[in-house]
Protein backbone atom coordinates (compact mmCIF):
# COMPACT_ATOMS: atom_id res chain seq x y z
CA MET A 1 -72.20 52.04 47.82
CA ALA A 2 -71.17 51.93 44.18
CA GLU A 3 -68.40 49.48 43.39
CA ALA A 4 -65.09 50.97 42.23
CA ALA A 5 -65.39 49.85 38.60
CA GLY A 6 -69.06 50.84 38.70
CA LYS A 7 -68.27 54.44 39.71
CA ALA A 8 -65.81 54.92 36.86
CA ALA A 9 -68.33 53.41 34.45
CA ILE A 10 -71.07 55.71 35.77
CA MET A 11 -68.80 58.74 35.37
CA ARG A 12 -67.87 57.78 31.82
CA ASP A 13 -71.52 57.09 31.00
CA PHE A 14 -72.48 60.49 32.46
CA THR A 15 -69.85 62.42 30.46
CA SER A 16 -70.47 60.53 27.22
CA SER A 17 -74.24 61.14 27.54
CA PHE A 18 -73.61 64.82 28.32
CA GLN A 19 -71.32 65.36 25.33
CA VAL A 20 -73.86 63.92 22.86
CA ASN A 21 -76.71 65.96 24.38
CA ASP A 22 -78.48 62.89 25.82
CA PHE A 23 -79.37 64.93 28.89
CA GLU A 24 -82.17 62.63 29.99
CA LYS A 25 -79.71 59.73 30.31
CA ALA A 26 -77.07 61.86 32.06
CA ILE A 27 -79.62 63.18 34.55
CA SER A 28 -80.93 59.66 35.23
CA LEU A 29 -77.47 58.82 36.66
CA CYS A 30 -77.89 61.51 39.34
CA SER A 31 -79.73 61.63 42.64
CA ASP A 32 -82.84 63.84 42.86
CA ASP A 33 -80.96 66.31 45.08
CA VAL A 34 -77.82 66.44 42.91
CA THR A 35 -75.69 69.58 43.00
CA TRP A 36 -73.13 70.62 40.36
CA GLU A 37 -70.81 73.53 41.11
CA THR A 38 -68.95 74.87 38.08
CA SER A 39 -67.14 78.04 37.16
CA MET A 40 -70.44 79.05 35.53
CA GLY A 41 -72.47 78.72 38.74
CA LYS A 42 -74.14 76.25 41.09
CA PHE A 43 -76.91 74.05 39.72
CA ASN A 44 -79.23 72.28 42.15
CA GLY A 45 -81.43 69.28 41.47
CA LYS A 46 -82.19 67.65 38.17
CA GLU A 47 -83.91 70.79 36.88
CA GLY A 48 -80.78 72.83 37.61
CA LEU A 49 -78.65 70.31 35.70
CA LYS A 50 -81.07 70.43 32.78
CA ARG A 51 -80.77 74.24 32.70
CA TYR A 52 -76.94 73.98 32.67
CA PHE A 53 -76.97 71.26 29.98
CA ASP A 54 -79.26 73.39 27.80
CA TRP A 55 -76.91 76.38 28.21
CA VAL A 56 -73.88 74.28 27.19
CA ALA A 57 -75.75 72.85 24.16
CA GLU A 58 -76.66 76.37 23.04
CA ASN A 59 -73.25 77.97 23.65
CA VAL A 60 -70.69 75.24 22.88
CA LYS A 61 -70.76 73.41 19.56
CA ASP A 62 -68.91 70.15 18.80
CA TYR A 63 -68.55 69.57 22.56
CA LYS A 64 -66.06 66.80 23.34
CA ILE A 65 -64.70 65.45 26.63
CA THR A 66 -61.38 63.58 26.56
CA GLU A 67 -59.97 61.74 29.57
CA THR A 68 -56.38 62.89 30.15
CA GLY A 69 -53.62 63.10 32.73
CA LEU A 70 -54.60 61.19 35.85
CA GLY A 71 -57.92 60.13 34.36
CA ILE A 72 -60.24 58.82 37.08
CA LEU A 73 -59.04 58.28 40.64
CA GLU A 74 -61.45 56.72 43.14
CA GLN A 75 -61.68 56.56 46.92
CA ASP A 76 -64.75 55.23 48.71
CA ASP A 77 -67.79 57.19 47.44
CA ARG A 78 -65.66 59.92 45.87
CA ALA A 79 -63.76 60.18 42.61
CA PHE A 80 -61.64 62.67 40.72
CA TYR A 81 -61.72 63.09 36.95
CA GLU A 82 -59.07 64.95 34.92
CA HIS A 83 -60.07 65.69 31.34
CA THR A 84 -59.97 68.20 28.54
CA ILE A 85 -63.01 69.83 27.02
CA SER A 86 -62.99 71.02 23.46
CA GLY A 87 -65.54 72.66 21.24
CA ILE A 88 -66.47 75.86 19.49
CA MET A 89 -67.37 78.88 21.64
CA GLN A 90 -68.34 82.21 20.10
CA GLY A 91 -67.21 80.89 16.73
CA GLU A 92 -63.70 79.99 17.96
CA LYS A 93 -62.28 76.53 18.57
CA VAL A 94 -61.17 76.09 22.19
CA GLU A 95 -59.66 73.31 24.27
CA PHE A 96 -59.02 73.55 27.99
CA LEU A 97 -58.25 71.50 31.06
CA ALA A 98 -61.04 70.60 33.46
CA MET A 99 -60.96 68.80 36.80
CA CYS A 100 -64.05 67.37 38.39
CA THR A 101 -64.81 65.71 41.70
CA TYR A 102 -67.75 63.36 42.04
CA GLU A 103 -69.49 62.24 45.22
CA PHE A 104 -71.86 59.30 45.08
CA SER A 105 -74.87 58.20 47.07
CA GLY A 106 -75.14 54.52 46.25
CA ASP A 107 -74.93 54.25 42.47
CA LYS A 108 -76.13 57.83 41.85
CA ILE A 109 -74.07 60.98 41.41
CA LYS A 110 -74.92 63.32 44.30
CA ASN A 111 -72.38 66.15 44.07
CA LEU A 112 -70.04 67.36 41.35
CA ARG A 113 -67.53 70.18 41.44
CA THR A 114 -65.80 71.21 38.23
CA VAL A 115 -62.96 73.67 37.77
CA PHE A 116 -62.06 74.93 34.28
CA ASP A 117 -59.03 76.82 33.13
CA ARG A 118 -61.13 79.92 32.43
CA LEU A 119 -58.18 82.14 31.57
CA SER A 120 -57.18 79.68 28.85
CA ILE A 121 -60.75 79.81 27.53
CA ALA A 122 -60.68 83.62 27.45
CA GLU A 123 -57.28 83.65 25.78
CA GLN A 124 -58.42 81.29 23.04
CA ALA A 125 -61.81 82.97 22.52
CA SER A 126 -60.20 86.40 22.16
CA SER A 127 -57.36 85.34 19.86
CA ASN A 128 -58.78 87.00 16.74
CA GLN A 129 -60.14 90.16 18.35
CA PHE A 130 -57.61 92.92 19.05
CA ILE A 131 -59.05 94.59 22.18
CA PRO A 132 -60.14 91.39 24.03
CA LYS A 133 -56.82 89.76 23.11
CA LYS A 134 -54.89 92.77 24.46
CA LEU A 135 -56.85 92.70 27.75
CA VAL A 136 -56.42 88.95 28.27
CA ASN A 137 -52.71 89.10 27.40
CA THR A 138 -52.24 91.94 29.91
CA ILE A 139 -53.82 89.80 32.64
CA ILE A 140 -51.67 86.80 31.70
CA ASN A 141 -48.50 88.88 31.62
CA GLN A 142 -49.24 90.34 35.07
CA MET A 143 -49.92 86.88 36.52
CA GLN A 144 -46.69 85.48 35.08
CA LYS A 145 -44.54 88.49 35.92
CA GLY A 146 -41.25 87.24 37.32
CA LEU A 147 -41.97 83.61 36.38
CA THR A 148 -40.76 83.67 32.80
């Protein structure tokens, strides 16, 4: 079992390697049968992670992960990581909240689950385009109806 300080260090090493496109290093911190579930899909094994990393590198420029809020919380072989992700998507600067759970097998990452604020991403990405902006704002207004 990974020690508490070791898990946080592994998680930080994983995210810092990922954000600088050192995918080989990030993948080396994972078990062979790693699974990462994101809002973009489920990626199995090291080859699946590589495919996801390549997609992010191609579609998000100036990718940056910043620890925020609760940061890293650990319990046994599990941990929670609250952070923001920023970068440039479709030519627009975006920043959004992400929450990720990690499960470890020894000192290797075995399972990850990440949830993004996808509506915030859509809202930011559509900010300079009239029709997409109108559609996203309609969805937001319907979701917040009666709250504001």
